[in-house]
Amino acid sequence: MLKKTPLKKKSKTSLKKLIQELTKLSHDFIRQRDSIKKYIIGGYCFDCGDYTEFQQFQCGHFIPDSTGGALLRYHPINMHGQAGKCNCKYNQEFVKINYTLAMEKKYGKEYVQKLIQLKYKSIKADEIFYSKMIELYKEGNEKKIVAYLESLI
């Protein structure tokens, strides 16, 4: 008689590791993209325009990653280099206004509205999604990242 073995559950730790890797890769990509010097992480804050470097030059989100879901959490047009003081709950109403104005200036009102509408779209963020996004961020082609994300909706 065959012995019954319990079904193995999918490991949440492997998905958690993929999420952590993608978060680090995407944030490093944005900080590097928005840096003004090739070998130093630092640049002008997308909100206030102040120059910041190293840990204070952070990856900020136009639509917060807590409400935008996986689609916007890793969307490179939703993320920009930000001073720590603007990214970390400092005078948030003023920051939201500045960020919105900067987004409209850089991408146009129509694209900003399209990005806001993506907040209400849901995608399946599974191991396949995270693996593909990691691959794309390692490749470093922002247009391909955006095209992939927009192909999911």
N, C-alpha and C. Protein backbone atom coordinates (compact mmCIF):
# COMPACT_ATOMS: atom_id res chain seq x y z
N MET A 1 0.84 -1.18 0.00
CA MET A 1 0.00 0.00 0.00
C MET A 1 0.89 1.25 0.00
N LEU A 2 0.49 2.22 -0.83
CA LEU A 2 1.26 3.45 -0.93
C LEU A 2 0.98 4.36 0.26
N LYS A 3 2.05 5.01 0.68
CA LYS A 3 1.91 5.94 1.79
C LYS A 3 1.49 7.31 1.25
N LYS A 4 0.48 7.89 1.85
CA LYS A 4 0.02 9.22 1.43
C LYS A 4 0.96 10.27 2.02
N THR A 5 1.34 11.20 1.16
CA THR A 5 2.16 12.32 1.64
C THR A 5 1.36 13.60 1.47
N PRO A 6 1.52 14.48 2.41
CA PRO A 6 0.77 15.74 2.30
C PRO A 6 1.27 16.57 1.11
N LEU A 7 0.36 17.34 0.52
CA LEU A 7 0.74 18.22 -0.58
C LEU A 7 1.64 19.32 -0.05
N LYS A 8 2.66 19.63 -0.84
CA LYS A 8 3.55 20.71 -0.44
C LYS A 8 2.92 22.04 -0.83
N LYS A 9 2.93 22.95 0.10
CA LYS A 9 2.43 24.30 -0.18
C LYS A 9 3.55 25.09 -0.85
N LYS A 10 3.15 26.02 -1.69
CA LYS A 10 4.14 26.89 -2.31
C LYS A 10 4.83 27.71 -1.24
N SER A 11 6.10 27.86 -1.41
CA SER A 11 6.88 28.60 -0.43
C SER A 11 6.64 30.10 -0.59
N LYS A 12 6.22 30.72 0.49
CA LYS A 12 6.04 32.17 0.47
C LYS A 12 7.39 32.87 0.55
N THR A 13 8.39 32.15 1.06
CA THR A 13 9.70 32.78 1.20
C THR A 13 10.32 33.06 -0.16
N SER A 14 10.09 32.19 -1.16
CA SER A 14 10.67 32.45 -2.48
C SER A 14 10.01 33.68 -3.11
N LEU A 15 8.70 33.82 -2.95
CA LEU A 15 8.00 35.01 -3.46
C LEU A 15 8.47 36.25 -2.71
N LYS A 16 8.63 36.12 -1.41
CA LYS A 16 9.09 37.24 -0.59
C LYS A 16 10.49 37.69 -1.03
N LYS A 17 11.35 36.73 -1.34
CA LYS A 17 12.71 37.07 -1.81
C LYS A 17 12.67 37.78 -3.16
N LEU A 18 11.79 37.34 -4.04
CA LEU A 18 11.64 38.00 -5.34
C LEU A 18 11.15 39.43 -5.17
N ILE A 19 10.19 39.62 -4.28
CA ILE A 19 9.67 40.97 -4.02
C ILE A 19 10.78 41.87 -3.48
N GLN A 20 11.56 41.37 -2.53
CA GLN A 20 12.66 42.15 -1.97
C GLN A 20 13.70 42.48 -3.04
N GLU A 21 14.02 41.51 -3.89
CA GLU A 21 15.01 41.74 -4.94
C GLU A 21 14.51 42.78 -5.93
N LEU A 22 13.25 42.66 -6.34
CA LEU A 22 12.70 43.62 -7.30
C LEU A 22 12.61 45.01 -6.69
N THR A 23 12.22 45.11 -5.44
CA THR A 23 12.15 46.42 -4.79
C THR A 23 13.52 47.09 -4.78
N LYS A 24 14.54 46.35 -4.39
CA LYS A 24 15.90 46.91 -4.37
C LYS A 24 16.36 47.29 -5.77
N LEU A 25 16.17 46.39 -6.73
CA LEU A 25 16.58 46.67 -8.11
C LEU A 25 15.87 47.90 -8.67
N SER A 26 14.57 47.98 -8.49
CA SER A 26 13.81 49.10 -9.06
C SER A 26 14.20 50.42 -8.39
N HIS A 27 14.36 50.41 -7.08
CA HIS A 27 14.74 51.64 -6.39
C HIS A 27 16.15 52.08 -6.78
N ASP A 28 17.08 51.13 -6.86
CA ASP A 28 18.45 51.46 -7.29
C ASP A 28 18.46 51.98 -8.72
N PHE A 29 17.64 51.38 -9.59
CA PHE A 29 17.54 51.81 -10.98
C PHE A 29 17.09 53.27 -11.05
N ILE A 30 16.05 53.62 -10.30
CA ILE A 30 15.51 54.99 -10.32
C ILE A 30 16.52 55.97 -9.74
N ARG A 31 17.13 55.61 -8.63
CA ARG A 31 18.13 56.50 -8.02
C ARG A 31 19.30 56.74 -8.97
N GLN A 32 19.72 55.69 -9.68
CA GLN A 32 20.80 55.84 -10.65
C GLN A 32 20.34 56.64 -11.86
N ARG A 33 19.14 56.35 -12.36
CA ARG A 33 18.59 57.05 -13.52
C ARG A 33 18.50 58.56 -13.25
N ASP A 34 18.08 58.93 -12.05
CA ASP A 34 17.86 60.34 -11.74
C ASP A 34 19.07 61.03 -11.13
N SER A 35 20.16 60.29 -10.96
CA SER A 35 21.39 60.91 -10.46
C SER A 35 22.01 61.77 -11.55
N ILE A 36 22.67 62.83 -11.12
CA ILE A 36 23.26 63.73 -12.11
C ILE A 36 24.72 63.38 -12.41
N LYS A 37 25.33 62.57 -11.55
CA LYS A 37 26.70 62.12 -11.77
C LYS A 37 26.68 60.61 -11.99
N LYS A 38 27.60 60.13 -12.81
CA LYS A 38 27.60 58.72 -13.16
C LYS A 38 27.92 57.80 -12.00
N TYR A 39 28.85 58.17 -11.13
CA TYR A 39 29.32 57.26 -10.09
C TYR A 39 28.91 57.66 -8.67
N ILE A 40 28.05 58.66 -8.55
CA ILE A 40 27.57 59.07 -7.23
C ILE A 40 26.05 59.09 -7.26
N ILE A 41 25.44 58.41 -6.29
CA ILE A 41 23.98 58.46 -6.19
C ILE A 41 23.61 59.80 -5.57
N GLY A 42 23.00 60.65 -6.37
CA GLY A 42 22.60 61.97 -5.89
C GLY A 42 22.05 62.79 -7.03
N GLY A 43 21.08 63.59 -6.70
CA GLY A 43 20.49 64.43 -7.73
C GLY A 43 19.51 65.41 -7.11
N TYR A 44 18.76 66.04 -7.97
CA TYR A 44 17.80 67.04 -7.54
C TYR A 44 16.44 66.38 -7.28
N CYS A 45 15.87 66.70 -6.14
CA CYS A 45 14.58 66.14 -5.74
C CYS A 45 13.51 66.52 -6.75
N PHE A 46 12.73 65.54 -7.15
CA PHE A 46 11.65 65.75 -8.11
C PHE A 46 10.61 66.74 -7.57
N ASP A 47 10.48 66.82 -6.22
CA ASP A 47 9.50 67.72 -5.60
C ASP A 47 10.04 69.12 -5.37
N CYS A 48 11.05 69.20 -4.53
CA CYS A 48 11.50 70.51 -4.05
C CYS A 48 12.70 71.06 -4.82
N GLY A 49 13.39 70.21 -5.58
CA GLY A 49 14.53 70.67 -6.36
C GLY A 49 15.83 70.72 -5.59
N ASP A 50 15.82 70.39 -4.30
CA ASP A 50 17.05 70.39 -3.51
C ASP A 50 17.96 69.25 -3.95
N TYR A 51 19.26 69.50 -3.93
CA TYR A 51 20.23 68.45 -4.25
C TYR A 51 20.46 67.60 -3.01
N THR A 52 20.37 66.28 -3.17
CA THR A 52 20.66 65.35 -2.08
C THR A 52 21.49 64.19 -2.62
N GLU A 53 22.23 63.53 -1.72
CA GLU A 53 23.09 62.42 -2.12
C GLU A 53 22.88 61.22 -1.22
N PHE A 54 23.41 60.10 -1.69
CA PHE A 54 23.49 58.84 -0.95
C PHE A 54 22.13 58.41 -0.39
N GLN A 55 22.04 58.12 0.92
CA GLN A 55 20.80 57.60 1.49
C GLN A 55 19.67 58.61 1.45
N GLN A 56 19.98 59.89 1.40
CA GLN A 56 18.94 60.91 1.38
C GLN A 56 18.34 61.12 -0.01
N PHE A 57 18.97 60.53 -1.04
CA PHE A 57 18.41 60.57 -2.39
C PHE A 57 17.66 59.26 -2.57
N GLN A 58 16.36 59.32 -2.38
CA GLN A 58 15.54 58.11 -2.32
C GLN A 58 14.66 57.96 -3.56
N CYS A 59 14.04 56.81 -3.65
CA CYS A 59 13.10 56.53 -4.73
C CYS A 59 11.70 56.81 -4.20
N GLY A 60 11.11 57.89 -4.68
CA GLY A 60 9.76 58.25 -4.25
C GLY A 60 8.73 57.88 -5.30
N HIS A 61 7.52 57.66 -4.86
CA HIS A 61 6.43 57.26 -5.75
C HIS A 61 5.40 58.38 -5.86
N PHE A 62 4.95 58.65 -7.09
CA PHE A 62 3.86 59.61 -7.31
C PHE A 62 2.58 59.07 -6.68
N ILE A 63 2.18 57.88 -7.10
CA ILE A 63 1.08 57.18 -6.45
C ILE A 63 1.74 56.24 -5.46
N PRO A 64 1.47 56.40 -4.17
CA PRO A 64 2.18 55.63 -3.16
C PRO A 64 2.15 54.13 -3.43
N ASP A 65 3.27 53.47 -3.16
CA ASP A 65 3.33 52.04 -3.42
C ASP A 65 2.36 51.25 -2.55
N SER A 66 1.91 51.85 -1.46
CA SER A 66 0.95 51.16 -0.58
C SER A 66 -0.46 51.11 -1.19
N THR A 67 -0.76 52.01 -2.14
CA THR A 67 -2.09 52.03 -2.75
C THR A 67 -2.09 51.72 -4.24
N GLY A 68 -0.93 51.74 -4.87
CA GLY A 68 -0.87 51.55 -6.31
C GLY A 68 -0.79 50.12 -6.77
N GLY A 69 -0.60 49.19 -5.84
CA GLY A 69 -0.46 47.79 -6.22
C GLY A 69 0.84 47.54 -6.96
N ALA A 70 1.05 46.31 -7.35
CA ALA A 70 2.30 45.91 -8.00
C ALA A 70 2.52 46.65 -9.32
N LEU A 71 1.45 46.94 -10.02
CA LEU A 71 1.55 47.62 -11.31
C LEU A 71 2.26 48.97 -11.18
N LEU A 72 1.86 49.76 -10.20
CA LEU A 72 2.46 51.09 -10.03
C LEU A 72 3.66 51.09 -9.07
N ARG A 73 3.73 50.12 -8.21
CA ARG A 73 4.84 50.04 -7.26
C ARG A 73 6.18 49.96 -7.99
N TYR A 74 6.18 49.32 -9.16
CA TYR A 74 7.42 49.12 -9.90
C TYR A 74 7.44 49.84 -11.24
N HIS A 75 6.46 50.69 -11.49
CA HIS A 75 6.37 51.44 -12.76
C HIS A 75 7.38 52.59 -12.71
N PRO A 76 8.37 52.59 -13.62
CA PRO A 76 9.43 53.61 -13.54
C PRO A 76 8.94 55.05 -13.74
N ILE A 77 7.82 55.23 -14.39
CA ILE A 77 7.32 56.60 -14.57
C ILE A 77 6.59 57.06 -13.31
N ASN A 78 6.22 56.15 -12.46
CA ASN A 78 5.60 56.48 -11.18
C ASN A 78 6.65 56.76 -10.09
N MET A 79 7.92 56.53 -10.41
CA MET A 79 8.99 56.68 -9.41
C MET A 79 10.03 57.69 -9.88
N HIS A 80 10.51 58.49 -8.93
CA HIS A 80 11.53 59.49 -9.23
C HIS A 80 12.42 59.70 -8.01
N GLY A 81 13.61 60.22 -8.27
CA GLY A 81 14.52 60.55 -7.18
C GLY A 81 13.92 61.66 -6.33
N GLN A 82 13.94 61.43 -5.03
CA GLN A 82 13.34 62.37 -4.09
C GLN A 82 14.24 62.56 -2.89
N ALA A 83 14.25 63.76 -2.35
CA ALA A 83 14.95 64.01 -1.09
C ALA A 83 14.22 63.26 0.01
N GLY A 84 14.97 62.75 0.96
CA GLY A 84 14.38 62.01 2.07
C GLY A 84 13.29 62.79 2.79
N LYS A 85 13.51 64.10 2.94
CA LYS A 85 12.53 64.93 3.65
C LYS A 85 11.19 65.00 2.91
N CYS A 86 11.21 64.89 1.58
CA CYS A 86 9.97 64.93 0.80
C CYS A 86 9.33 63.55 0.72
N ASN A 87 10.15 62.52 0.75
CA ASN A 87 9.65 61.15 0.59
C ASN A 87 9.10 60.57 1.89
N CYS A 88 9.50 61.10 3.00
CA CYS A 88 9.16 60.48 4.30
C CYS A 88 8.22 61.34 5.13
N LYS A 89 7.04 61.59 4.62
CA LYS A 89 5.96 62.21 5.38
C LYS A 89 6.20 63.66 5.79
N TYR A 90 7.17 64.34 5.19
CA TYR A 90 7.41 65.74 5.51
C TYR A 90 6.46 66.61 4.68
N ASN A 91 5.53 67.28 5.35
CA ASN A 91 4.65 68.23 4.69
C ASN A 91 4.01 67.61 3.44
N GLN A 92 3.35 66.47 3.59
CA GLN A 92 2.89 65.66 2.46
C GLN A 92 1.92 66.37 1.52
N GLU A 93 1.06 67.22 2.01
CA GLU A 93 0.13 67.90 1.10
C GLU A 93 0.88 68.79 0.12
N PHE A 94 1.89 69.48 0.59
CA PHE A 94 2.71 70.33 -0.27
C PHE A 94 3.49 69.48 -1.26
N VAL A 95 4.02 68.35 -0.79
CA VAL A 95 4.78 67.44 -1.64
C VAL A 95 3.89 66.88 -2.75
N LYS A 96 2.66 66.49 -2.42
CA LYS A 96 1.75 65.94 -3.43
C LYS A 96 1.48 66.95 -4.54
N ILE A 97 1.31 68.20 -4.16
CA ILE A 97 1.06 69.25 -5.16
C ILE A 97 2.28 69.41 -6.05
N ASN A 98 3.47 69.52 -5.44
CA ASN A 98 4.70 69.68 -6.22
C ASN A 98 4.96 68.48 -7.13
N TYR A 99 4.74 67.28 -6.59
CA TYR A 99 4.99 66.06 -7.38
C TYR A 99 4.04 66.02 -8.58
N THR A 100 2.77 66.35 -8.36
CA THR A 100 1.79 66.34 -9.45
C THR A 100 2.17 67.36 -10.52
N LEU A 101 2.55 68.57 -10.10
CA LEU A 101 2.95 69.59 -11.06
C LEU A 101 4.19 69.17 -11.85
N ALA A 102 5.15 68.56 -11.17
CA ALA A 102 6.36 68.08 -11.85
C ALA A 102 6.03 66.95 -12.83
N MET A 103 5.12 66.07 -12.44
CA MET A 103 4.71 64.98 -13.33
C MET A 103 4.03 65.54 -14.58
N GLU A 104 3.13 66.50 -14.40
CA GLU A 104 2.43 67.08 -15.53
C GLU A 104 3.39 67.82 -16.46
N LYS A 105 4.37 68.48 -15.88
CA LYS A 105 5.36 69.20 -16.69
C LYS A 105 6.21 68.23 -17.50
N LYS A 106 6.58 67.12 -16.89
CA LYS A 106 7.47 66.16 -17.55
C LYS A 106 6.74 65.26 -18.54
N TYR A 107 5.54 64.79 -18.18
CA TYR A 107 4.85 63.77 -18.99
C TYR A 107 3.56 64.26 -19.64
N GLY A 108 3.03 65.39 -19.20
CA GLY A 108 1.77 65.90 -19.72
C GLY A 108 0.59 65.43 -18.87
N LYS A 109 -0.47 66.24 -18.85
CA LYS A 109 -1.64 65.94 -18.02
C LYS A 109 -2.30 64.63 -18.40
N GLU A 110 -2.38 64.35 -19.70
CA GLU A 110 -3.06 63.13 -20.15
C GLU A 110 -2.37 61.87 -19.62
N TYR A 111 -1.04 61.86 -19.70
CA TYR A 111 -0.32 60.67 -19.24
C TYR A 111 -0.43 60.53 -17.72
N VAL A 112 -0.41 61.64 -17.01
CA VAL A 112 -0.57 61.60 -15.55
C VAL A 112 -1.94 61.04 -15.20
N GLN A 113 -2.97 61.45 -15.91
CA GLN A 113 -4.32 60.91 -15.67
C GLN A 113 -4.37 59.41 -15.97
N LYS A 114 -3.68 59.00 -17.03
CA LYS A 114 -3.61 57.57 -17.37
C LYS A 114 -2.94 56.79 -16.24
N LEU A 115 -1.87 57.35 -15.69
CA LEU A 115 -1.16 56.71 -14.57
C LEU A 115 -2.07 56.60 -13.35
N ILE A 116 -2.81 57.66 -13.08
CA ILE A 116 -3.74 57.65 -11.94
C ILE A 116 -4.81 56.56 -12.14
N GLN A 117 -5.28 56.39 -13.34
CA GLN A 117 -6.29 55.36 -13.61
C GLN A 117 -5.74 53.95 -13.41
N LEU A 118 -4.43 53.78 -13.57
CA LEU A 118 -3.83 52.46 -13.36
C LEU A 118 -3.94 52.02 -11.90
N LYS A 119 -4.17 52.97 -11.03
CA LYS A 119 -4.35 52.67 -9.61
C LYS A 119 -5.54 51.73 -9.40
N TYR A 120 -6.50 51.78 -10.30
CA TYR A 120 -7.71 50.99 -10.16
C TYR A 120 -7.66 49.69 -10.97
N LYS A 121 -6.52 49.42 -11.60
CA LYS A 121 -6.34 48.18 -12.35
C LYS A 121 -5.62 47.17 -11.47
N SER A 122 -5.99 45.94 -11.62
CA SER A 122 -5.39 44.88 -10.82
C SER A 122 -4.67 43.89 -11.73
N ILE A 123 -3.49 43.49 -11.33
CA ILE A 123 -2.76 42.47 -12.07
C ILE A 123 -2.40 41.32 -11.14
N LYS A 124 -2.07 40.21 -11.73
CA LYS A 124 -1.65 39.05 -10.94
C LYS A 124 -0.15 39.16 -10.70
N ALA A 125 0.21 39.47 -9.48
CA ALA A 125 1.63 39.61 -9.12
C ALA A 125 2.10 38.29 -8.50
N ASP A 126 2.55 37.39 -9.37
CA ASP A 126 3.00 36.08 -8.92
C ASP A 126 4.51 35.95 -9.19
N GLU A 127 5.03 34.76 -9.02
CA GLU A 127 6.46 34.54 -9.23
C GLU A 127 6.87 34.85 -10.67
N ILE A 128 6.00 34.56 -11.62
CA ILE A 128 6.31 34.85 -13.03
C ILE A 128 6.45 36.36 -13.24
N PHE A 129 5.52 37.13 -12.67
CA PHE A 129 5.57 38.60 -12.78
C PHE A 129 6.87 39.14 -12.18
N TYR A 130 7.17 38.73 -10.95
CA TYR A 130 8.37 39.25 -10.29
C TYR A 130 9.64 38.83 -11.00
N SER A 131 9.70 37.61 -11.48
CA SER A 131 10.89 37.14 -12.21
C SER A 131 11.09 37.94 -13.49
N LYS A 132 10.01 38.18 -14.23
CA LYS A 132 10.09 38.97 -15.47
C LYS A 132 10.52 40.40 -15.18
N MET A 133 9.97 41.00 -14.14
CA MET A 133 10.33 42.37 -13.79
C MET A 133 11.79 42.46 -13.35
N ILE A 134 12.25 41.48 -12.61
CA ILE A 134 13.66 41.45 -12.21
C ILE A 134 14.55 41.38 -13.44
N GLU A 135 14.19 40.52 -14.37
CA GLU A 135 14.94 40.39 -15.63
C GLU A 135 14.98 41.73 -16.38
N LEU A 136 13.84 42.40 -16.47
CA LEU A 136 13.77 43.67 -17.19
C LEU A 136 14.56 44.78 -16.49
N TYR A 137 14.47 44.84 -15.16
CA TYR A 137 15.23 45.87 -14.45
C TYR A 137 16.73 45.60 -14.53
N LYS A 138 17.14 44.34 -14.53
CA LYS A 138 18.56 44.02 -14.70
C LYS A 138 19.04 44.42 -16.08
N GLU A 139 18.17 44.25 -17.07
CA GLU A 139 18.50 44.67 -18.44
C GLU A 139 18.65 46.19 -18.52
N GLY A 140 17.83 46.90 -17.74
CA GLY A 140 17.96 48.35 -17.63
C GLY A 140 17.32 49.17 -18.73
N ASN A 141 16.37 48.60 -19.46
CA ASN A 141 15.70 49.32 -20.54
C ASN A 141 14.32 49.77 -20.05
N GLU A 142 14.23 51.05 -19.71
CA GLU A 142 12.99 51.59 -19.13
C GLU A 142 11.79 51.44 -20.07
N LYS A 143 12.00 51.62 -21.35
CA LYS A 143 10.90 51.50 -22.31
C LYS A 143 10.33 50.08 -22.30
N LYS A 144 11.18 49.08 -22.19
CA LYS A 144 10.71 47.69 -22.14
C LYS A 144 9.93 47.42 -20.84
N ILE A 145 10.39 48.02 -19.75
CA ILE A 145 9.71 47.84 -18.46
C ILE A 145 8.30 48.42 -18.55
N VAL A 146 8.19 49.63 -19.06
CA VAL A 146 6.90 50.30 -19.20
C VAL A 146 5.99 49.51 -20.15
N ALA A 147 6.55 49.07 -21.26
CA ALA A 147 5.76 48.32 -22.25
C ALA A 147 5.23 47.02 -21.63
N TYR A 148 6.07 46.33 -20.87
CA TYR A 148 5.62 45.09 -20.22
C TYR A 148 4.50 45.36 -19.25
N LEU A 149 4.67 46.37 -18.38
CA LEU A 149 3.64 46.68 -17.39
C LEU A 149 2.33 47.08 -18.06
N GLU A 150 2.42 47.86 -19.12
CA GLU A 150 1.21 48.29 -19.79
C GLU A 150 0.56 47.16 -20.59
N SER A 151 1.33 46.13 -20.94
CA SER A 151 0.76 44.99 -21.64
C SER A 151 -0.09 44.12 -20.71
N LEU A 152 0.07 44.30 -19.42
CA LEU A 152 -0.64 43.48 -18.44
C LEU A 152 -2.07 43.98 -18.18
N ILE A 153 -2.38 45.19 -18.63
CA ILE A 153 -3.71 45.76 -18.33
C ILE A 153 -4.64 45.65 -19.52
